Structure formats: structure tokens, C-alpha cells
Amino acid sequence: MVRMDSYGHQFNAAVAAELRAERAARQLTIRDVVSRSGLPEITVIRYLNDQRAIPVPALYAISQALGVEPGAMLDRAAIRVKAQQG
């Protein structure tokens, strides 16, 4: 898992979870995301599995590959973190 401050880690994990949910909802494979985003497969896997912090350019590329706005992913991640915090 990514090592960073507690909120930063929670937020990154929430963004990864939202990206995974979006990928599943659209029934896309990892290879679909890779080919659409132009990112290396292992990198996409690490981002989606919360094994690496997701930089903004990668968030943009993956979001676009999924057909969703990056801001929507961030908004949904913020809601997820708030829900987890109670």
C-alpha cells in the first residue's frame, strides 16, 4: 500500500476504489484501460490496487480512458472518505 499521511492515503485509496468501480460498471478490462490511457499495464494495476499514489496526469488519463471526468472521480472519492470517517 501507499505510505503517506492518513488522510492522503485514505483519499488515494478512495480515488483508486472509484476508478475500479467505474471500470467494473463499464465492463472494461485492465487492457482496455491500458490501451485507452497509454499508461503501462503494471502502472495502471498499481494505481487501481492502491499500491502507488495516483499523480494528476495519470488520474486524468485513466479517467478519460473510462469516459468520466477526473473531477467526478475526486468528488466521489471525497464523499467516500467522509463516509468512512463517519
N, C-alpha and C. Protein backbone atom coordinates (compact mmCIF):
# COMPACT_ATOMS: atom_id res chain seq x y z
N MET A 1 0.81 -1.19 0.00
CA MET A 1 0.00 0.00 0.00
C MET A 1 0.86 1.26 0.00
N VAL A 2 0.25 2.33 -0.38
CA VAL A 2 0.94 3.62 -0.44
C VAL A 2 1.18 4.13 0.97
N ARG A 3 2.37 4.61 1.21
CA ARG A 3 2.69 5.19 2.52
C ARG A 3 2.64 6.70 2.42
N MET A 4 1.70 7.31 3.12
CA MET A 4 1.62 8.76 3.22
C MET A 4 0.75 9.07 4.42
N ASP A 5 0.52 10.34 4.66
CA ASP A 5 -0.27 10.71 5.82
C ASP A 5 -1.64 10.03 5.75
N SER A 6 -2.30 9.93 6.87
CA SER A 6 -3.53 9.17 6.96
C SER A 6 -4.61 9.66 5.98
N TYR A 7 -4.90 10.95 5.98
CA TYR A 7 -5.94 11.44 5.07
C TYR A 7 -5.51 11.29 3.61
N GLY A 8 -4.25 11.57 3.32
CA GLY A 8 -3.74 11.43 1.96
C GLY A 8 -3.87 10.00 1.47
N HIS A 9 -3.53 9.06 2.34
CA HIS A 9 -3.66 7.65 1.96
C HIS A 9 -5.12 7.28 1.77
N GLN A 10 -5.98 7.71 2.68
CA GLN A 10 -7.41 7.40 2.56
C GLN A 10 -7.96 7.96 1.26
N PHE A 11 -7.55 9.18 0.92
CA PHE A 11 -8.07 9.80 -0.29
C PHE A 11 -7.56 9.06 -1.53
N ASN A 12 -6.29 8.72 -1.56
CA ASN A 12 -5.75 7.96 -2.70
C ASN A 12 -6.47 6.62 -2.83
N ALA A 13 -6.69 5.95 -1.70
CA ALA A 13 -7.40 4.66 -1.72
C ALA A 13 -8.82 4.83 -2.24
N ALA A 14 -9.46 5.93 -1.86
CA ALA A 14 -10.82 6.20 -2.31
C ALA A 14 -10.86 6.50 -3.81
N VAL A 15 -9.88 7.24 -4.31
CA VAL A 15 -9.81 7.51 -5.75
C VAL A 15 -9.61 6.19 -6.50
N ALA A 16 -8.71 5.35 -6.01
CA ALA A 16 -8.48 4.04 -6.65
C ALA A 16 -9.76 3.22 -6.64
N ALA A 17 -10.49 3.22 -5.54
CA ALA A 17 -11.74 2.47 -5.44
C ALA A 17 -12.77 2.99 -6.43
N GLU A 18 -12.85 4.30 -6.58
CA GLU A 18 -13.80 4.88 -7.54
C GLU A 18 -13.43 4.52 -8.97
N LEU A 19 -12.15 4.54 -9.27
CA LEU A 19 -11.70 4.15 -10.61
C LEU A 19 -12.01 2.68 -10.88
N ARG A 20 -11.79 1.82 -9.87
CA ARG A 20 -12.12 0.41 -10.03
C ARG A 20 -13.61 0.22 -10.25
N ALA A 21 -14.41 0.94 -9.48
CA ALA A 21 -15.88 0.83 -9.61
C ALA A 21 -16.33 1.28 -11.00
N GLU A 22 -15.75 2.34 -11.48
CA GLU A 22 -16.11 2.85 -12.81
C GLU A 22 -15.70 1.86 -13.89
N ARG A 23 -14.52 1.29 -13.74
CA ARG A 23 -14.07 0.29 -14.71
C ARG A 23 -15.01 -0.90 -14.73
N ALA A 24 -15.41 -1.37 -13.55
CA ALA A 24 -16.33 -2.51 -13.46
C ALA A 24 -17.70 -2.16 -14.05
N ALA A 25 -18.19 -0.98 -13.74
CA ALA A 25 -19.50 -0.56 -14.24
C ALA A 25 -19.52 -0.50 -15.77
N ARG A 26 -18.40 -0.14 -16.35
CA ARG A 26 -18.31 -0.05 -17.81
C ARG A 26 -17.83 -1.34 -18.45
N GLN A 27 -17.61 -2.35 -17.60
CA GLN A 27 -17.18 -3.68 -18.05
C GLN A 27 -15.93 -3.62 -18.94
N LEU A 28 -14.95 -2.81 -18.48
CA LEU A 28 -13.69 -2.69 -19.21
C LEU A 28 -12.63 -3.54 -18.52
N THR A 29 -11.76 -4.13 -19.31
CA THR A 29 -10.64 -4.88 -18.76
C THR A 29 -9.49 -3.91 -18.46
N ILE A 30 -8.52 -4.42 -17.73
CA ILE A 30 -7.31 -3.64 -17.49
C ILE A 30 -6.67 -3.29 -18.83
N ARG A 31 -6.64 -4.24 -19.73
CA ARG A 31 -6.04 -3.98 -21.05
C ARG A 31 -6.79 -2.89 -21.81
N ASP A 32 -8.11 -2.83 -21.65
CA ASP A 32 -8.89 -1.74 -22.27
C ASP A 32 -8.41 -0.39 -21.73
N VAL A 33 -8.27 -0.32 -20.41
CA VAL A 33 -7.83 0.93 -19.77
C VAL A 33 -6.42 1.28 -20.22
N VAL A 34 -5.56 0.28 -20.26
CA VAL A 34 -4.17 0.50 -20.69
C VAL A 34 -4.13 1.03 -22.12
N SER A 35 -4.85 0.40 -23.02
CA SER A 35 -4.79 0.84 -24.42
C SER A 35 -5.39 2.22 -24.60
N ARG A 36 -6.41 2.55 -23.82
CA ARG A 36 -7.05 3.87 -23.94
C ARG A 36 -6.28 4.97 -23.24
N SER A 37 -5.56 4.61 -22.17
CA SER A 37 -4.86 5.63 -21.38
C SER A 37 -3.43 5.87 -21.86
N GLY A 38 -2.82 4.84 -22.47
CA GLY A 38 -1.43 4.95 -22.88
C GLY A 38 -0.45 4.73 -21.75
N LEU A 39 -0.93 4.31 -20.60
CA LEU A 39 -0.06 4.05 -19.44
C LEU A 39 0.36 2.58 -19.44
N PRO A 40 1.52 2.28 -18.86
CA PRO A 40 1.95 0.88 -18.78
C PRO A 40 0.98 0.05 -17.92
N GLU A 41 0.80 -1.20 -18.31
CA GLU A 41 -0.15 -2.08 -17.61
C GLU A 41 0.17 -2.20 -16.12
N ILE A 42 1.41 -2.45 -15.76
CA ILE A 42 1.76 -2.63 -14.35
C ILE A 42 1.47 -1.35 -13.56
N THR A 43 1.66 -0.21 -14.18
CA THR A 43 1.40 1.06 -13.52
C THR A 43 -0.09 1.22 -13.25
N VAL A 44 -0.91 0.92 -14.24
CA VAL A 44 -2.37 1.01 -14.07
C VAL A 44 -2.82 0.07 -12.97
N ILE A 45 -2.30 -1.14 -12.97
CA ILE A 45 -2.66 -2.11 -11.93
C ILE A 45 -2.29 -1.57 -10.56
N ARG A 46 -1.11 -1.02 -10.44
CA ARG A 46 -0.67 -0.49 -9.13
C ARG A 46 -1.54 0.68 -8.68
N TYR A 47 -1.90 1.56 -9.60
CA TYR A 47 -2.78 2.67 -9.24
C TYR A 47 -4.14 2.15 -8.78
N LEU A 48 -4.72 1.25 -9.55
CA LEU A 48 -6.07 0.78 -9.24
C LEU A 48 -6.11 -0.09 -7.99
N ASN A 49 -5.00 -0.70 -7.66
CA ASN A 49 -4.93 -1.52 -6.44
C ASN A 49 -4.40 -0.76 -5.24
N ASP A 50 -4.27 0.56 -5.38
CA ASP A 50 -3.80 1.42 -4.29
C ASP A 50 -2.41 1.01 -3.81
N GLN A 51 -1.57 0.62 -4.74
CA GLN A 51 -0.19 0.28 -4.40
C GLN A 51 0.75 1.43 -4.71
N ARG A 52 0.23 2.45 -5.37
CA ARG A 52 1.01 3.63 -5.74
C ARG A 52 0.11 4.85 -5.70
N ALA A 53 0.65 5.98 -5.26
CA ALA A 53 -0.11 7.22 -5.30
C ALA A 53 -0.41 7.57 -6.76
N ILE A 54 -1.59 8.10 -7.01
CA ILE A 54 -2.01 8.39 -8.37
C ILE A 54 -1.74 9.87 -8.67
N PRO A 55 -0.76 10.16 -9.53
CA PRO A 55 -0.50 11.55 -9.88
C PRO A 55 -1.61 12.11 -10.78
N VAL A 56 -1.73 13.41 -10.79
CA VAL A 56 -2.80 14.06 -11.56
C VAL A 56 -2.79 13.66 -13.04
N PRO A 57 -1.65 13.68 -13.73
CA PRO A 57 -1.69 13.27 -15.14
C PRO A 57 -2.21 11.84 -15.35
N ALA A 58 -1.88 10.94 -14.45
CA ALA A 58 -2.36 9.56 -14.55
C ALA A 58 -3.85 9.49 -14.25
N LEU A 59 -4.31 10.25 -13.24
CA LEU A 59 -5.73 10.30 -12.94
C LEU A 59 -6.51 10.79 -14.16
N TYR A 60 -5.98 11.80 -14.80
CA TYR A 60 -6.63 12.34 -16.00
C TYR A 60 -6.68 11.27 -17.10
N ALA A 61 -5.57 10.61 -17.36
CA ALA A 61 -5.51 9.60 -18.43
C ALA A 61 -6.44 8.43 -18.15
N ILE A 62 -6.45 7.95 -16.92
CA ILE A 62 -7.32 6.82 -16.59
C ILE A 62 -8.78 7.23 -16.62
N SER A 63 -9.09 8.40 -16.10
CA SER A 63 -10.47 8.89 -16.12
C SER A 63 -10.97 9.02 -17.55
N GLN A 64 -10.15 9.59 -18.41
CA GLN A 64 -10.54 9.74 -19.80
C GLN A 64 -10.72 8.37 -20.46
N ALA A 65 -9.87 7.41 -20.12
CA ALA A 65 -9.99 6.05 -20.65
C ALA A 65 -11.32 5.42 -20.23
N LEU A 66 -11.80 5.81 -19.05
CA LEU A 66 -13.05 5.29 -18.53
C LEU A 66 -14.26 6.10 -18.99
N GLY A 67 -14.00 7.23 -19.64
CA GLY A 67 -15.10 8.08 -20.11
C GLY A 67 -15.77 8.88 -19.02
N VAL A 68 -15.00 9.25 -18.02
CA VAL A 68 -15.53 10.02 -16.89
C VAL A 68 -14.60 11.19 -16.61
N GLU A 69 -15.15 12.27 -16.10
CA GLU A 69 -14.33 13.44 -15.77
C GLU A 69 -13.49 13.18 -14.52
N PRO A 70 -12.23 13.59 -14.52
CA PRO A 70 -11.38 13.39 -13.34
C PRO A 70 -11.97 14.05 -12.10
N GLY A 71 -12.58 15.21 -12.28
CA GLY A 71 -13.19 15.90 -11.14
C GLY A 71 -14.30 15.09 -10.49
N ALA A 72 -15.03 14.35 -11.31
CA ALA A 72 -16.08 13.49 -10.76
C ALA A 72 -15.48 12.40 -9.89
N MET A 73 -14.35 11.86 -10.31
CA MET A 73 -13.68 10.83 -9.52
C MET A 73 -13.22 11.41 -8.18
N LEU A 74 -12.68 12.62 -8.22
CA LEU A 74 -12.22 13.27 -6.98
C LEU A 74 -13.40 13.57 -6.06
N ASP A 75 -14.50 14.05 -6.62
CA ASP A 75 -15.69 14.34 -5.81
C ASP A 75 -16.22 13.08 -5.16
N ARG A 76 -16.32 12.01 -5.93
CA ARG A 76 -16.82 10.75 -5.39
C ARG A 76 -15.87 10.18 -4.33
N ALA A 77 -14.57 10.36 -4.55
CA ALA A 77 -13.59 9.89 -3.56
C ALA A 77 -13.73 10.67 -2.26
N ALA A 78 -13.95 11.97 -2.35
CA ALA A 78 -14.12 12.79 -1.14
C ALA A 78 -15.35 12.34 -0.36
N ILE A 79 -16.42 12.03 -1.06
CA ILE A 79 -17.64 11.54 -0.40
C ILE A 79 -17.36 10.20 0.27
N ARG A 80 -16.62 9.34 -0.40
CA ARG A 80 -16.28 8.03 0.16
C ARG A 80 -15.46 8.17 1.44
N VAL A 81 -14.47 9.07 1.43
CA VAL A 81 -13.63 9.26 2.62
C VAL A 81 -14.46 9.81 3.77
N LYS A 82 -15.32 10.78 3.49
CA LYS A 82 -16.19 11.34 4.55
C LYS A 82 -17.09 10.26 5.14
N ALA A 83 -17.64 9.40 4.29
CA ALA A 83 -18.49 8.32 4.78
C ALA A 83 -17.71 7.35 5.66
N GLN A 84 -16.47 7.09 5.30
CA GLN A 84 -15.64 6.18 6.08
C GLN A 84 -15.27 6.77 7.44
N GLN A 85 -15.15 8.09 7.47
CA GLN A 85 -14.77 8.77 8.71
C GLN A 85 -15.96 8.93 9.65
N GLY A 86 -17.14 8.77 9.13
CA GLY A 86 -18.34 8.82 9.96
C GLY A 86 -18.91 10.13 9.99
